[in-house]
Protein backbone atom coordinates (compact mmCIF):
# COMPACT_ATOMS: atom_id res chain seq x y z
CA MET A 1 60.96 -53.42 -64.49
CA ARG A 2 64.20 -51.61 -63.99
CA SER A 3 63.32 -49.63 -61.00
CA THR A 4 63.61 -51.03 -57.42
CA PHE A 5 60.22 -49.74 -56.56
CA LEU A 6 58.20 -51.13 -59.45
CA ARG A 7 60.21 -54.37 -59.62
CA ASP A 8 59.20 -55.06 -55.97
CA LEU A 9 55.63 -54.27 -56.62
CA GLN A 10 55.55 -56.41 -59.63
CA ALA A 11 57.06 -59.38 -57.72
CA ARG A 12 54.23 -59.02 -55.23
CA ASP A 13 51.50 -58.76 -57.96
CA LEU A 14 50.85 -55.20 -56.80
CA VAL A 15 51.02 -53.46 -60.16
CA HIS A 16 47.53 -53.10 -61.70
CA GLN A 17 47.98 -50.24 -64.17
CA VAL A 18 50.55 -47.55 -65.05
CA THR A 19 49.60 -44.52 -67.13
CA ASP A 20 52.90 -44.65 -69.06
CA PRO A 21 55.77 -47.25 -69.03
CA ALA A 22 58.23 -44.33 -69.05
CA VAL A 23 57.56 -44.09 -65.24
CA ASP A 24 59.76 -47.15 -64.74
CA GLU A 25 62.79 -45.38 -66.36
CA LEU A 26 62.05 -42.26 -64.32
CA LEU A 27 62.01 -44.22 -61.04
CA ALA A 28 65.19 -46.07 -62.02
CA THR A 29 67.16 -42.92 -62.76
CA GLU A 30 65.84 -40.19 -60.43
CA ALA A 31 64.58 -39.70 -56.89
CA VAL A 32 60.87 -38.99 -57.40
CA THR A 33 58.21 -37.46 -55.26
CA GLY A 34 54.97 -39.35 -55.25
CA TYR A 35 51.70 -39.26 -53.34
CA ILE A 36 48.69 -41.13 -52.11
CA GLY A 37 45.56 -39.62 -50.71
CA PHE A 38 43.75 -40.59 -47.53
CA ASP A 39 40.31 -39.22 -46.77
CA PRO A 40 39.94 -38.46 -43.02
CA THR A 41 36.42 -40.02 -42.68
CA ALA A 42 37.40 -41.46 -39.18
CA PRO A 43 39.97 -40.76 -36.52
CA SER A 44 41.77 -43.99 -37.49
CA LEU A 45 42.76 -45.82 -40.60
CA HIS A 46 41.67 -49.37 -41.07
CA VAL A 47 43.30 -52.43 -42.64
CA GLY A 48 41.86 -51.36 -46.02
CA SER A 49 44.31 -48.48 -45.77
CA LEU A 50 47.27 -50.66 -45.10
CA LEU A 51 48.16 -51.48 -48.71
CA PRO A 52 48.53 -47.76 -49.67
CA VAL A 53 50.41 -46.94 -46.46
CA LEU A 54 52.85 -49.78 -47.04
CA ALA A 55 53.13 -48.65 -50.64
CA LEU A 56 54.39 -45.29 -49.52
CA GLU A 57 56.85 -47.02 -47.10
CA ARG A 58 58.18 -49.27 -50.04
CA PHE A 59 58.46 -46.13 -52.15
CA GLN A 60 60.52 -44.37 -49.43
CA TRP A 61 62.75 -47.55 -48.95
CA ALA A 62 63.50 -47.39 -52.67
CA GLY A 63 65.04 -43.90 -52.32
CA HIS A 64 62.00 -41.74 -53.19
CA ARG A 65 60.08 -39.13 -51.27
CA PRO A 66 56.48 -40.01 -50.20
CA ILE A 67 53.67 -37.63 -49.67
CA ALA A 68 50.65 -38.61 -47.69
CA LEU A 69 47.89 -36.29 -48.66
CA LEU A 70 45.06 -35.89 -46.12
CA GLY A 71 41.86 -34.86 -47.70
CA GLY A 72 40.69 -32.27 -45.33
CA ALA A 73 38.74 -30.59 -48.13
CA THR A 74 37.76 -33.53 -50.29
CA GLY A 75 36.80 -35.43 -47.13
CA MET A 76 33.94 -32.98 -46.94
CA VAL A 77 32.78 -34.08 -50.38
CA GLY A 78 33.47 -37.83 -50.67
CA ASP A 79 34.70 -39.90 -53.60
CA PRO A 80 31.74 -41.71 -55.42
CA SER A 81 34.05 -44.61 -56.45
CA GLY A 82 32.84 -47.85 -55.06
CA LYS A 83 29.96 -46.12 -53.10
CA GLU A 84 26.38 -46.95 -53.30
CA SER A 85 25.28 -43.62 -51.77
CA GLU A 86 26.74 -40.20 -50.90
CA ARG A 87 28.59 -40.07 -47.67
CA PRO A 88 27.45 -37.45 -45.00
CA MET A 89 29.54 -34.22 -45.12
CA LEU A 90 31.81 -33.80 -42.09
CA ASP A 91 32.14 -30.71 -40.09
CA GLU A 92 35.49 -28.97 -39.57
CA GLU A 93 35.90 -30.05 -35.93
CA THR A 94 35.27 -33.73 -36.82
CA LEU A 95 37.72 -33.56 -39.67
CA ALA A 96 40.40 -31.98 -37.37
CA THR A 97 40.02 -34.82 -34.88
CA ASN A 98 40.22 -37.42 -37.62
CA GLU A 99 43.29 -35.92 -39.21
CA GLU A 100 45.12 -35.86 -35.93
CA GLY A 101 44.56 -39.53 -35.40
CA ILE A 102 45.53 -40.42 -38.85
CA ARG A 103 48.65 -38.34 -38.61
CA ALA A 104 49.81 -40.31 -35.63
CA GLN A 105 49.28 -43.60 -37.33
CA LEU A 106 51.19 -42.64 -40.47
CA GLU A 107 54.22 -41.66 -38.45
CA ARG A 108 54.66 -45.35 -37.39
CA PHE A 109 55.36 -46.27 -41.05
CA LEU A 110 57.00 -43.31 -42.65
CA ASP A 111 60.25 -41.45 -41.81
CA PHE A 112 59.57 -37.77 -41.76
CA ASP A 113 63.10 -36.62 -41.20
CA GLY A 114 65.90 -35.77 -43.69
CA PRO A 115 66.00 -34.47 -47.21
CA ARG A 116 63.84 -37.32 -48.57
CA GLY A 117 61.59 -37.34 -45.42
CA ALA A 118 58.05 -37.99 -45.99
CA LEU A 119 55.59 -35.01 -46.15
CA LEU A 120 52.16 -34.91 -44.67
CA VAL A 121 49.97 -32.25 -46.26
CA ASN A 122 46.25 -31.35 -46.24
CA ASN A 123 44.46 -30.32 -49.38
CA ALA A 124 42.43 -27.84 -47.30
CA GLU A 125 45.42 -25.63 -47.67
CA TRP A 126 44.70 -24.92 -51.27
CA LEU A 127 41.27 -26.09 -51.93
CA GLY A 128 39.99 -24.07 -48.93
CA ARG A 129 40.99 -20.76 -50.58
CA LEU A 130 40.15 -21.72 -54.17
CA GLY A 131 37.46 -19.45 -55.62
CA LEU A 132 34.48 -20.93 -57.58
CA LEU A 133 35.10 -18.93 -60.71
CA GLU A 134 38.76 -19.53 -60.56
CA PHE A 135 38.19 -23.19 -60.33
CA LEU A 136 35.77 -23.27 -63.24
CA ARG A 137 38.17 -21.15 -65.42
CA ASP A 138 41.32 -23.03 -64.59
CA VAL A 139 40.20 -26.62 -64.06
CA GLY A 140 36.57 -27.12 -65.12
CA LYS A 141 37.14 -26.10 -68.67
CA HIS A 142 39.74 -28.91 -69.15
CA PHE A 143 37.19 -31.59 -68.35
CA SER A 144 34.53 -33.14 -70.67
CA VAL A 145 31.23 -34.00 -68.96
CA ASN A 146 30.80 -36.79 -71.50
CA ALA A 147 34.03 -38.42 -70.37
CA LEU A 148 33.13 -38.06 -66.66
CA VAL A 149 29.65 -39.47 -67.22
CA ALA A 150 31.16 -42.41 -68.96
CA ARG A 151 33.16 -43.49 -65.87
CA GLU A 152 31.85 -46.64 -64.22
CA SER A 153 31.61 -45.02 -60.80
CA VAL A 154 29.48 -42.20 -62.09
CA ARG A 155 27.42 -44.21 -64.43
CA HIS A 156 26.58 -46.68 -61.79
CA ARG A 157 25.22 -44.03 -59.57
CA LEU A 158 23.40 -42.28 -62.44
CA GLU A 159 21.52 -45.48 -63.22
CA SER A 160 20.48 -45.89 -59.61
CA ARG A 161 17.05 -44.16 -59.41
CA GLU A 162 17.06 -44.20 -55.59
CA GLN A 163 20.47 -42.56 -55.04
CA GLY A 164 21.68 -40.72 -58.15
CA ILE A 165 24.70 -38.51 -57.70
CA SER A 166 24.97 -34.88 -56.53
CA PHE A 167 26.92 -32.29 -58.33
CA THR A 168 29.18 -32.12 -55.20
CA GLU A 169 30.23 -35.73 -55.65
CA PHE A 170 30.41 -35.31 -59.37
CA SER A 171 32.98 -32.74 -58.98
CA TYR A 172 35.31 -34.98 -56.77
CA ALA A 173 37.41 -36.06 -59.88
CA LEU A 174 38.12 -32.47 -60.67
CA LEU A 175 39.16 -31.69 -57.01
CA GLN A 176 41.54 -34.70 -56.92
CA ALA A 177 43.08 -33.70 -60.32
CA TYR A 178 43.64 -30.21 -58.81
CA ASP A 179 45.42 -31.83 -55.90
CA PHE A 180 47.89 -33.43 -58.18
CA LEU A 181 48.35 -30.19 -60.15
CA GLU A 182 49.08 -28.26 -56.91
CA LEU A 183 51.49 -30.94 -55.58
CA HIS A 184 53.25 -30.99 -58.90
CA GLY A 185 53.75 -27.21 -58.76
CA SER A 186 54.57 -26.80 -55.12
CA ARG A 187 56.31 -30.01 -54.12
CA GLY A 188 57.62 -31.30 -57.51
CA CYS A 189 55.37 -34.32 -57.25
CA ARG A 190 55.33 -36.38 -60.42
CA LEU A 191 53.58 -39.59 -59.43
CA GLN A 192 50.24 -40.42 -57.93
CA MET A 193 49.44 -43.85 -56.65
CA GLY A 194 46.19 -45.50 -55.53
CA GLY A 195 43.80 -48.49 -55.81
CA SER A 196 42.51 -49.49 -59.12
CA ASP A 197 39.27 -47.73 -58.36
CA GLN A 198 41.18 -44.48 -58.51
CA TRP A 199 42.42 -45.02 -62.10
CA GLY A 200 40.04 -42.39 -63.60
CA ASN A 201 40.91 -39.75 -61.04
CA ILE A 202 44.64 -40.42 -61.39
CA VAL A 203 44.48 -40.11 -65.23
CA SER A 204 42.45 -36.87 -64.93
CA GLY A 205 45.26 -35.39 -62.74
CA CYS A 206 47.98 -36.46 -65.29
CA ASP A 207 45.99 -34.87 -68.12
CA LEU A 208 45.31 -31.64 -66.16
CA ILE A 209 49.08 -31.18 -65.38
CA ARG A 210 49.99 -31.74 -69.12
CA ARG A 211 47.48 -29.07 -70.07
CA ARG A 212 48.25 -26.59 -67.42
CA ARG A 213 51.97 -27.06 -67.30
CA GLU A 214 52.88 -26.87 -71.01
CA GLY A 215 53.41 -30.54 -71.55
CA ALA A 216 54.92 -31.46 -68.27
CA SER A 217 54.91 -35.11 -67.54
CA ALA A 218 53.12 -36.79 -64.64
CA PHE A 219 52.46 -40.42 -63.99
CA GLY A 220 50.07 -42.75 -62.19
CA VAL A 221 50.43 -46.28 -60.77
CA THR A 222 47.48 -48.22 -59.35
CA PHE A 223 47.37 -51.37 -57.19
CA PRO A 224 44.78 -54.15 -57.30
CA LEU A 225 41.83 -53.84 -54.90
CA VAL A 226 42.32 -56.22 -51.99
CA THR A 227 39.61 -58.95 -52.07
CA ARG A 228 38.64 -62.01 -50.18
CA SER A 229 38.22 -65.37 -51.91
CA ASP A 230 35.01 -66.11 -50.05
CA GLY A 231 33.29 -62.91 -51.29
CA ARG A 232 33.22 -61.08 -47.99
CA LYS A 233 34.56 -57.49 -47.97
CA PHE A 234 38.18 -57.19 -47.11
CA GLY A 235 38.84 -55.31 -43.80
CA LYS A 236 35.61 -56.44 -42.12
CA SER A 237 35.12 -58.67 -39.23
CA GLU A 238 31.92 -59.71 -37.36
CA ALA A 239 32.43 -56.63 -35.17
CA GLY A 240 32.81 -54.29 -38.24
CA ASN A 241 35.82 -52.45 -39.56
CA VAL A 242 39.27 -53.71 -38.40
CA TRP A 243 41.00 -50.50 -37.30
CA LEU A 244 44.63 -49.68 -36.75
CA ASP A 245 43.70 -47.95 -33.50
CA ALA A 246 43.97 -50.26 -30.50
CA GLU A 247 41.06 -48.55 -28.75
CA ARG A 248 38.73 -49.44 -31.68
CA THR A 249 40.19 -52.88 -32.45
CA SER A 250 42.23 -54.56 -29.87
CA PRO A 251 45.65 -55.99 -30.84
CA TYR A 252 44.20 -59.45 -30.03
CA ALA A 253 41.24 -58.93 -32.36
CA PHE A 254 43.62 -57.55 -35.01
CA PHE A 255 45.80 -60.58 -34.65
CA GLN A 256 42.83 -62.91 -35.08
CA PHE A 257 41.67 -61.14 -38.16
CA TRP A 258 44.81 -62.01 -39.97
CA LEU A 259 45.09 -65.49 -38.34
CA ASN A 260 41.69 -66.39 -39.67
CA THR A 261 42.76 -65.69 -43.25
CA GLU A 262 41.66 -68.32 -45.68
CA ASP A 263 44.35 -70.70 -47.09
CA VAL A 264 43.74 -69.42 -50.57
CA ASP A 265 44.34 -65.81 -49.56
CA ALA A 266 47.27 -66.29 -47.22
CA GLY A 267 50.12 -66.23 -49.72
CA ARG A 268 48.73 -63.20 -51.60
CA TYR A 269 48.31 -61.30 -48.31
CA LEU A 270 51.79 -62.07 -47.23
CA ARG A 271 53.06 -60.58 -50.51
CA TYR A 272 50.75 -57.59 -50.24
CA PHE A 273 51.17 -56.63 -46.54
CA THR A 274 54.74 -57.78 -45.40
CA PHE A 275 58.29 -57.12 -46.44
CA LEU A 276 59.28 -60.81 -46.60
CA ASP A 277 61.65 -61.63 -49.44
CA GLY A 278 60.95 -64.16 -52.24
CA ASP A 279 62.72 -67.06 -50.54
CA GLU A 280 60.77 -66.64 -47.26
CA LEU A 281 57.51 -66.28 -49.19
CA ALA A 282 58.28 -69.48 -51.16
CA ALA A 283 58.99 -71.37 -47.94
CA LEU A 284 55.63 -70.30 -46.40
CA ASP A 285 53.80 -71.25 -49.66
CA GLU A 286 55.34 -74.72 -49.49
CA GLU A 287 54.46 -75.01 -45.83
CA LEU A 288 50.89 -74.01 -46.51
CA ALA A 289 50.60 -76.51 -49.32
CA SER A 290 52.08 -79.42 -47.43
CA ALA A 291 50.70 -78.82 -43.95
CA PRO A 292 47.68 -76.37 -44.15
CA GLU A 293 46.44 -77.47 -40.76
CA ARG A 294 49.44 -75.86 -39.06
CA ARG A 295 48.47 -72.47 -40.52
CA GLU A 296 52.03 -71.28 -40.41
CA ALA A 297 51.47 -68.72 -43.17
CA GLN A 298 48.53 -67.19 -41.30
CA ARG A 299 50.49 -67.18 -38.01
CA ARG A 300 53.38 -65.38 -39.65
CA LEU A 301 51.12 -62.89 -41.34
CA ALA A 302 49.25 -62.13 -38.00
CA GLU A 303 52.55 -61.80 -36.02
CA LEU A 304 54.27 -59.50 -38.56
CA LEU A 305 51.30 -57.19 -39.04
CA THR A 306 50.38 -56.91 -35.33
CA GLU A 307 53.89 -56.01 -34.51
CA ARG A 308 54.06 -53.45 -37.28
CA VAL A 309 50.82 -51.72 -36.11
CA HIS A 310 50.80 -52.28 -32.43
CA GLY A 311 54.39 -53.01 -31.39
CA THR A 312 56.31 -56.05 -30.17
CA ALA A 313 54.78 -56.34 -26.66
CA ALA A 314 51.27 -56.19 -28.05
CA ALA A 315 52.00 -58.66 -30.73
CA GLU A 316 53.54 -61.19 -28.24
CA ARG A 317 50.60 -60.78 -25.88
CA ALA A 318 48.09 -61.39 -28.76
CA ARG A 319 50.06 -64.42 -29.90
CA ARG A 320 50.27 -65.90 -26.40
CA THR A 321 46.58 -65.21 -25.78
CA SER A 322 45.79 -67.00 -28.98
CA GLU A 323 47.75 -70.01 -27.99
CA VAL A 324 46.13 -70.26 -24.54
CA LEU A 325 42.51 -69.78 -25.69
CA PHE A 326 42.78 -72.16 -28.65
CA GLY A 327 45.35 -74.57 -27.19
CA SER A 328 45.83 -76.29 -24.05
CA GLY A 329 47.12 -73.45 -21.93
CA ASP A 330 45.90 -72.15 -18.65
CA PHE A 331 43.96 -68.90 -18.49
CA HIS A 332 45.95 -67.99 -15.36
CA GLU A 333 48.99 -67.54 -17.58
CA LEU A 334 47.37 -64.54 -19.11
CA SER A 335 47.30 -60.87 -17.86
CA ALA A 336 44.15 -58.99 -17.10
CA GLN A 337 44.87 -56.90 -20.17
CA ALA A 338 45.18 -59.83 -22.47
CA LEU A 339 41.87 -61.22 -21.38
CA LYS A 340 40.15 -57.87 -21.67
CA GLU A 341 41.34 -57.69 -25.27
CA ALA A 342 40.42 -61.26 -26.03
CA PHE A 343 36.87 -60.88 -24.83
CA ALA A 344 36.19 -57.20 -25.67
CA GLU A 345 33.10 -58.19 -27.70
CA SER A 346 31.71 -60.65 -25.09
CA PRO A 347 28.97 -59.75 -22.67
CA SER A 348 30.31 -58.77 -19.28
CA SER A 349 29.15 -57.75 -15.81
CA THR A 350 30.74 -57.07 -12.43
CA LEU A 351 31.08 -59.17 -9.31
CA ARG A 352 32.10 -57.61 -5.98
CA ARG A 353 35.39 -59.12 -4.58
CA GLU A 354 33.94 -59.64 -1.06
CA LEU A 355 31.28 -61.96 -2.52
CA LEU A 356 33.92 -64.50 -3.81
CA GLY A 357 33.83 -67.69 -1.64
CA GLY A 358 30.30 -67.08 -0.46
CA GLU A 359 26.86 -68.17 -1.32
CA GLU A 360 26.17 -65.27 -3.66
CA ALA A 361 29.18 -66.38 -5.77
CA GLY A 362 27.77 -69.82 -6.27
CA LEU A 363 28.17 -70.81 -9.93
CA VAL A 364 24.51 -71.69 -10.41
CA THR A 365 23.52 -68.27 -9.06
CA VAL A 366 26.15 -66.30 -11.15
CA LEU A 367 25.24 -68.11 -14.34
CA ALA A 368 21.52 -67.19 -13.90
CA GLU A 369 22.14 -63.60 -12.83
CA CYS A 370 24.65 -62.81 -15.53
CA GLY A 371 22.21 -64.15 -18.19
CA LEU A 372 24.47 -66.90 -19.53
CA LEU A 373 21.58 -69.33 -18.64
CA PRO A 374 17.92 -68.29 -18.25
CA SER A 375 17.38 -69.71 -14.75
CA LYS A 376 19.09 -71.51 -11.79
CA GLY A 377 17.32 -74.70 -12.90
CA GLN A 378 18.75 -74.42 -16.43
CA ALA A 379 22.13 -73.57 -14.95
CA ARG A 380 22.10 -76.80 -12.81
CA LYS A 381 21.22 -78.93 -15.88
CA ALA A 382 23.94 -77.33 -17.95
CA ILE A 383 26.53 -77.94 -15.32
CA GLN A 384 25.45 -81.59 -14.72
CA GLY A 385 25.44 -82.08 -18.54
CA GLY A 386 29.04 -80.89 -18.76
CA GLY A 387 28.34 -77.78 -20.69
CA VAL A 388 29.58 -75.07 -18.42
CA TYR A 389 33.33 -73.93 -18.14
CA VAL A 390 35.03 -71.60 -15.71
CA ASN A 391 38.25 -70.17 -17.30
CA ASP A 392 37.96 -72.80 -19.90
CA ARG A 393 37.81 -75.78 -17.49
CA ARG A 394 34.64 -77.83 -17.43
CA GLU A 395 32.74 -77.75 -14.11
CA ALA A 396 30.54 -80.66 -12.96
CA ASP A 397 29.71 -79.73 -9.47
CA ILE A 398 26.39 -77.77 -9.06
CA GLY A 399 27.69 -76.60 -5.69
CA ARG A 400 30.72 -74.97 -7.11
CA VAL A 401 31.46 -71.55 -5.66
CA LEU A 402 33.59 -69.02 -7.39
CA GLU A 403 36.73 -68.33 -5.23
CA PRO A 404 39.26 -65.43 -5.22
CA GLY A 405 41.78 -67.79 -6.98
CA ASP A 406 39.41 -68.05 -9.97
CA ALA A 407 39.96 -64.37 -10.86
CA VAL A 408 42.67 -64.31 -13.64
CA ASP A 409 45.32 -61.66 -12.58
CA GLY A 410 42.92 -60.89 -9.82
CA ARG A 411 40.49 -59.15 -12.29
CA TYR A 412 38.52 -61.43 -14.50
CA VAL A 413 36.61 -64.81 -14.47
CA VAL A 414 35.52 -66.21 -17.92
CA LEU A 415 32.39 -68.26 -17.92
CA ARG A 416 31.43 -70.27 -21.00
CA ARG A 417 28.25 -72.23 -21.89
CA GLY A 418 28.69 -74.77 -24.75
CA LYS A 419 31.20 -73.91 -27.40
CA LYS A 420 30.72 -70.21 -28.10
CA ALA A 421 28.63 -68.47 -25.46
CA TYR A 422 30.91 -66.36 -23.18
CA HIS A 423 30.41 -64.11 -20.26
CA VAL A 424 33.14 -62.16 -18.55
CA LEU A 425 32.91 -61.36 -14.82
CA GLU A 426 34.99 -58.31 -13.78
CA VAL A 427 35.92 -58.62 -10.13
CA VAL A 428 35.75 -55.14 -8.57
CA GLY A 429 36.31 -53.63 -5.13
């Protein structure tokens, strides 16, 4: 590859397909405008969106102009690619809220200033005013139903008796092709990028531009779909989607998602999701091979991505929290915010501050009342058996009473039964 952009993607194993090898020469000799689409199906992007977001950032770093296209119109339809069923159609108010959240997140990665500043556009601008007869005349006539039905994403749904595919979803490929045509004409966009599942839609856009613009050239590049070696879906944790929004997925949970990457995936994810150069990547590969128990590659991955998405302070807080919880640190070294993030998914209840030090704050009583153990009798047995912890320290005294000093940062007391059963007491009042 001659072009800086494609050479970088190729070195990271991120080039899956290109519609025409001539795109490399174009990118090597000219500043090109290219786009990737994002459907605003939620008010936040998730880690599954990180690869295309970072691709736009790499594209801009290489001297080109990126467009992030929000699918305000196509988001109401839904892409059938990779879907088992048709998604619910979103109303305009929900879409507007989702678009606002995504816009704020994209601004963390892309520079929107200057002559090559990124553009953020919404396809509702043109699809919203496109008439049906106009669409059928200028777009529909250029597509073969036979070719569309032959696509894997469509054929899979057609063969599913329970779901099938509606005409609304069937038209998605035409709408996306029209997006490319519109951006080509109004913004001089000559490149569309996306995951490998978008190949058919991207090719359709290139073909439509060639037919409608008297032989004008347009190109497509796809990236491999991100997978996990263990077969689980990438971007999912036990709590569900891993979001870029700190309110939906805490920085600590985000950090842990990357830290828990399997050894076999770590090197690939470092290439996909970071800007580390070849020497740094090779050193981490060597470290992973020689001392996998240190998990240095995963730690670096977690630190870099948490910092990119949530900022330096949040990344450092997540790193330190992880060290304390899984090392030999003291819970009292952590802030209330750090504990709140770390145990966001754990059961919790409140305990009035004035009760601390008194009979009602007895450990046996608290364990039974919060439900960590079913009864006071069971709580006594668990304590005597060495299976109860307060702020990660084993308690063996059945007469133990929670004191004001047990509240980390004056706010939280973390109780644990056995290895994994947690309950967080929030001290109030």
